[in-house]
């Protein structure tokens, strides 16, 4: 029960962090969107940049990525691969 409560509390903190991040970058994203529309109207005006903000991975996503990588390395070193590729001649 404690793990469920902790997971819920972490999810709430992650949601709050993401909301703050989005609020911080929203004015810049709106300005970039407006600038790209104005640039399209101005014909030959050079240069157009596009930026996207990617949220940071959650601790669970990081742990799963590390675990998957380590399992792949172990499987490669031990020869116990889950993927058996055979070729027929």
N, C-alpha and C. Protein backbone atom coordinates (compact mmCIF):
# COMPACT_ATOMS: atom_id res chain seq x y z
N UNK A 1 0.82 -1.19 0.00
CA UNK A 1 0.00 0.00 0.00
C UNK A 1 0.87 1.26 0.00
N UNK A 2 2.00 1.18 0.74
CA UNK A 2 2.90 2.33 0.80
C UNK A 2 3.52 2.63 -0.55
N UNK A 3 3.83 1.58 -1.33
CA UNK A 3 4.43 1.78 -2.65
C UNK A 3 3.43 2.46 -3.58
N UNK A 4 2.17 2.11 -3.48
CA UNK A 4 1.15 2.74 -4.32
C UNK A 4 1.02 4.22 -3.98
N UNK A 5 1.01 4.52 -2.69
CA UNK A 5 0.92 5.93 -2.28
C UNK A 5 2.15 6.71 -2.73
N UNK A 6 3.32 6.07 -2.62
CA UNK A 6 4.55 6.75 -3.04
C UNK A 6 4.54 6.98 -4.56
N UNK A 7 4.07 6.00 -5.31
CA UNK A 7 4.00 6.15 -6.77
C UNK A 7 3.02 7.26 -7.15
N UNK A 8 1.90 7.33 -6.44
CA UNK A 8 0.92 8.39 -6.71
C UNK A 8 1.50 9.76 -6.38
N UNK A 9 2.20 9.85 -5.25
CA UNK A 9 2.82 11.12 -4.86
C UNK A 9 3.87 11.54 -5.88
N UNK A 10 4.66 10.57 -6.38
CA UNK A 10 5.68 10.89 -7.38
C UNK A 10 5.03 11.32 -8.69
N UNK A 11 3.94 10.66 -9.06
CA UNK A 11 3.24 11.05 -10.29
C UNK A 11 2.70 12.47 -10.17
N UNK A 12 2.19 12.83 -8.99
CA UNK A 12 1.70 14.19 -8.78
C UNK A 12 2.84 15.20 -8.89
N UNK A 13 3.99 14.87 -8.29
CA UNK A 13 5.15 15.78 -8.37
C UNK A 13 5.64 15.91 -9.81
N UNK A 14 5.65 14.80 -10.55
CA UNK A 14 6.06 14.85 -11.95
C UNK A 14 5.11 15.72 -12.77
N UNK A 15 3.81 15.60 -12.51
CA UNK A 15 2.82 16.41 -13.23
C UNK A 15 2.99 17.90 -12.91
N UNK A 16 3.25 18.21 -11.64
CA UNK A 16 3.47 19.61 -11.25
C UNK A 16 4.73 20.16 -11.92
N UNK A 17 5.79 19.35 -11.94
CA UNK A 17 7.05 19.78 -12.56
C UNK A 17 6.84 20.04 -14.05
N UNK A 18 6.11 19.15 -14.71
CA UNK A 18 5.86 19.32 -16.14
C UNK A 18 5.00 20.55 -16.41
N UNK A 19 4.02 20.83 -15.55
CA UNK A 19 3.18 22.01 -15.72
C UNK A 19 4.01 23.29 -15.58
N UNK A 20 4.91 23.30 -14.63
CA UNK A 20 5.79 24.47 -14.45
C UNK A 20 6.70 24.64 -15.66
N UNK A 21 7.24 23.52 -16.18
CA UNK A 21 8.11 23.60 -17.36
C UNK A 21 7.35 24.13 -18.57
N UNK A 22 6.14 23.63 -18.77
CA UNK A 22 5.35 24.10 -19.90
C UNK A 22 4.99 25.57 -19.76
N UNK A 23 4.67 26.01 -18.55
CA UNK A 23 4.35 27.42 -18.32
C UNK A 23 5.56 28.30 -18.60
N UNK A 24 6.74 27.80 -18.27
CA UNK A 24 7.95 28.59 -18.49
C UNK A 24 8.26 28.74 -19.97
N UNK A 25 8.03 27.69 -20.77
CA UNK A 25 8.39 27.73 -22.19
C UNK A 25 7.25 28.18 -23.10
N UNK A 26 6.03 28.31 -22.59
CA UNK A 26 4.89 28.66 -23.43
C UNK A 26 5.07 29.99 -24.17
N UNK A 27 5.53 31.07 -23.50
CA UNK A 27 5.69 32.33 -24.26
C UNK A 27 6.67 32.20 -25.43
N UNK A 28 7.77 31.48 -25.23
CA UNK A 28 8.74 31.31 -26.31
C UNK A 28 8.15 30.49 -27.45
N UNK A 29 7.41 29.44 -27.12
CA UNK A 29 6.79 28.61 -28.16
C UNK A 29 5.75 29.40 -28.94
N UNK A 30 4.97 30.25 -28.26
CA UNK A 30 3.99 31.09 -28.97
C UNK A 30 4.69 32.08 -29.88
N UNK A 31 5.79 32.67 -29.41
CA UNK A 31 6.55 33.61 -30.23
C UNK A 31 7.15 32.91 -31.45
N UNK A 32 7.67 31.72 -31.26
CA UNK A 32 8.22 30.96 -32.38
C UNK A 32 7.14 30.63 -33.40
N UNK A 33 5.96 30.25 -32.92
CA UNK A 33 4.85 29.94 -33.83
C UNK A 33 4.43 31.18 -34.62
N UNK A 34 4.33 32.32 -33.95
CA UNK A 34 3.99 33.58 -34.63
C UNK A 34 5.06 33.96 -35.63
N UNK A 35 6.32 33.81 -35.24
CA UNK A 35 7.43 34.18 -36.14
C UNK A 35 7.43 33.31 -37.39
N UNK A 36 7.12 32.03 -37.25
CA UNK A 36 7.10 31.17 -38.43
C UNK A 36 5.96 31.54 -39.38
N UNK A 37 4.83 32.00 -38.83
CA UNK A 37 3.72 32.43 -39.68
C UNK A 37 4.08 33.72 -40.41
N UNK A 38 4.70 34.66 -39.71
CA UNK A 38 5.10 35.93 -40.33
C UNK A 38 6.16 35.68 -41.38
N UNK A 39 7.09 34.78 -41.10
CA UNK A 39 8.14 34.47 -42.07
C UNK A 39 7.54 33.91 -43.35
N UNK A 40 6.51 33.07 -43.21
CA UNK A 40 5.86 32.51 -44.39
C UNK A 40 5.20 33.58 -45.24
N UNK A 41 4.70 34.63 -44.61
CA UNK A 41 4.05 35.72 -45.35
C UNK A 41 5.08 36.57 -46.08
N UNK A 42 6.29 36.68 -45.49
CA UNK A 42 7.30 37.60 -46.02
C UNK A 42 8.08 37.02 -47.18
N UNK A 43 7.71 35.90 -47.71
CA UNK A 43 8.34 35.37 -48.91
C UNK A 43 9.78 34.95 -48.73
N UNK A 44 10.70 35.78 -49.20
CA UNK A 44 12.10 35.39 -49.24
C UNK A 44 12.89 35.65 -47.99
N UNK A 45 12.25 35.95 -46.90
CA UNK A 45 12.99 36.23 -45.66
C UNK A 45 13.74 34.97 -45.23
N UNK A 46 15.05 35.06 -45.05
CA UNK A 46 15.85 33.86 -44.79
C UNK A 46 15.70 33.35 -43.35
N UNK A 47 15.97 32.10 -43.21
CA UNK A 47 16.10 31.49 -41.90
C UNK A 47 14.79 31.19 -41.20
N UNK A 48 14.64 29.96 -40.84
CA UNK A 48 13.48 29.56 -40.05
C UNK A 48 13.96 28.47 -39.11
N UNK A 49 13.79 28.68 -37.83
CA UNK A 49 14.21 27.69 -36.86
C UNK A 49 12.99 27.11 -36.16
N UNK A 50 13.11 25.86 -35.84
CA UNK A 50 12.04 25.18 -35.12
C UNK A 50 12.66 24.55 -33.88
N UNK A 51 12.07 24.81 -32.73
CA UNK A 51 12.57 24.19 -31.51
C UNK A 51 11.43 23.47 -30.81
N UNK A 52 11.77 22.34 -30.27
CA UNK A 52 10.78 21.58 -29.52
C UNK A 52 11.36 21.26 -28.15
N UNK A 53 10.53 21.26 -27.16
CA UNK A 53 10.96 20.95 -25.80
C UNK A 53 10.47 19.56 -25.45
N UNK A 54 11.41 18.69 -25.16
CA UNK A 54 11.09 17.31 -24.83
C UNK A 54 11.16 17.16 -23.31
N UNK A 55 10.11 16.65 -22.69
CA UNK A 55 10.15 16.49 -21.23
C UNK A 55 11.18 15.46 -20.81
N UNK A 56 11.69 15.62 -19.61
CA UNK A 56 12.65 14.66 -19.07
C UNK A 56 11.95 13.34 -18.78
N UNK A 57 12.69 12.22 -18.95
CA UNK A 57 12.07 10.93 -18.65
C UNK A 57 11.81 10.78 -17.15
N UNK A 58 10.80 10.01 -16.82
CA UNK A 58 10.48 9.76 -15.42
C UNK A 58 11.50 8.77 -14.86
N UNK A 59 11.61 8.68 -13.54
CA UNK A 59 12.54 7.70 -12.96
C UNK A 59 12.23 6.26 -13.39
N UNK A 60 10.95 5.94 -13.55
CA UNK A 60 10.59 4.60 -14.01
C UNK A 60 11.11 4.34 -15.42
N UNK A 61 10.95 5.31 -16.31
CA UNK A 61 11.45 5.15 -17.67
C UNK A 61 12.96 4.99 -17.69
N UNK A 62 13.65 5.74 -16.85
CA UNK A 62 15.10 5.64 -16.77
C UNK A 62 15.51 4.26 -16.27
N UNK A 63 14.84 3.77 -15.22
CA UNK A 63 15.17 2.45 -14.67
C UNK A 63 14.91 1.34 -15.69
N UNK A 64 13.80 1.44 -16.41
CA UNK A 64 13.51 0.43 -17.44
C UNK A 64 14.54 0.46 -18.56
N UNK A 65 14.97 1.64 -18.95
CA UNK A 65 15.99 1.74 -19.99
C UNK A 65 17.31 1.15 -19.55
N UNK A 66 17.72 1.43 -18.32
CA UNK A 66 18.97 0.88 -17.80
C UNK A 66 18.87 -0.64 -17.70
N UNK A 67 17.75 -1.14 -17.17
CA UNK A 67 17.56 -2.59 -17.04
C UNK A 67 17.59 -3.30 -18.37
N UNK A 68 16.94 -2.72 -19.36
CA UNK A 68 16.92 -3.32 -20.70
C UNK A 68 18.32 -3.35 -21.30
N UNK A 69 19.06 -2.26 -21.13
CA UNK A 69 20.42 -2.19 -21.66
C UNK A 69 21.31 -3.22 -21.00
N UNK A 70 21.24 -3.32 -19.67
CA UNK A 70 22.07 -4.30 -18.96
C UNK A 70 21.70 -5.73 -19.35
N UNK A 71 20.41 -6.00 -19.51
CA UNK A 71 19.98 -7.34 -19.94
C UNK A 71 20.52 -7.67 -21.32
N UNK A 72 20.52 -6.69 -22.21
CA UNK A 72 21.06 -6.90 -23.55
C UNK A 72 22.55 -7.16 -23.53
N UNK A 73 23.28 -6.42 -22.69
CA UNK A 73 24.73 -6.63 -22.59
C UNK A 73 25.01 -8.01 -22.01
N UNK A 74 24.28 -8.39 -20.95
CA UNK A 74 24.47 -9.71 -20.34
C UNK A 74 24.19 -10.82 -21.36
N UNK A 75 23.10 -10.67 -22.09
CA UNK A 75 22.75 -11.67 -23.09
C UNK A 75 23.80 -11.78 -24.18
N UNK A 76 24.37 -10.63 -24.56
CA UNK A 76 25.40 -10.65 -25.60
C UNK A 76 26.69 -11.29 -25.12
N UNK A 77 27.05 -11.03 -23.87
CA UNK A 77 28.30 -11.59 -23.34
C UNK A 77 28.17 -13.07 -22.98
N UNK A 78 27.01 -13.47 -22.52
CA UNK A 78 26.84 -14.86 -22.09
C UNK A 78 26.41 -15.77 -23.24
N UNK A 79 26.03 -15.20 -24.35
CA UNK A 79 25.57 -16.01 -25.47
C UNK A 79 24.14 -16.49 -25.31
N UNK A 80 23.45 -15.99 -24.31
CA UNK A 80 22.06 -16.39 -24.07
C UNK A 80 21.12 -15.32 -24.61
N UNK A 81 21.14 -15.15 -25.89
CA UNK A 81 20.31 -14.13 -26.52
C UNK A 81 18.89 -14.64 -26.69
N UNK A 82 17.94 -13.76 -26.54
CA UNK A 82 16.54 -14.11 -26.79
C UNK A 82 16.20 -14.09 -28.27
N UNK A 83 17.12 -13.60 -29.06
CA UNK A 83 16.87 -13.46 -30.49
C UNK A 83 17.77 -14.46 -31.23
N UNK A 84 17.18 -15.45 -31.84
CA UNK A 84 17.93 -16.45 -32.58
C UNK A 84 17.71 -16.20 -34.07
N UNK A 85 18.75 -15.71 -34.71
CA UNK A 85 18.67 -15.45 -36.13
C UNK A 85 19.44 -16.54 -36.84
N UNK A 86 18.75 -17.31 -37.64
CA UNK A 86 19.39 -18.35 -38.39
C UNK A 86 19.15 -18.10 -39.86
N UNK A 87 20.13 -18.45 -40.65
CA UNK A 87 19.99 -18.29 -42.09
C UNK A 87 19.94 -19.66 -42.73
N UNK A 88 19.12 -19.79 -43.72
CA UNK A 88 19.01 -21.05 -44.43
C UNK A 88 19.74 -20.92 -45.76
N UNK A 89 20.55 -21.89 -46.04
CA UNK A 89 21.34 -21.86 -47.28
C UNK A 89 20.63 -22.52 -48.41
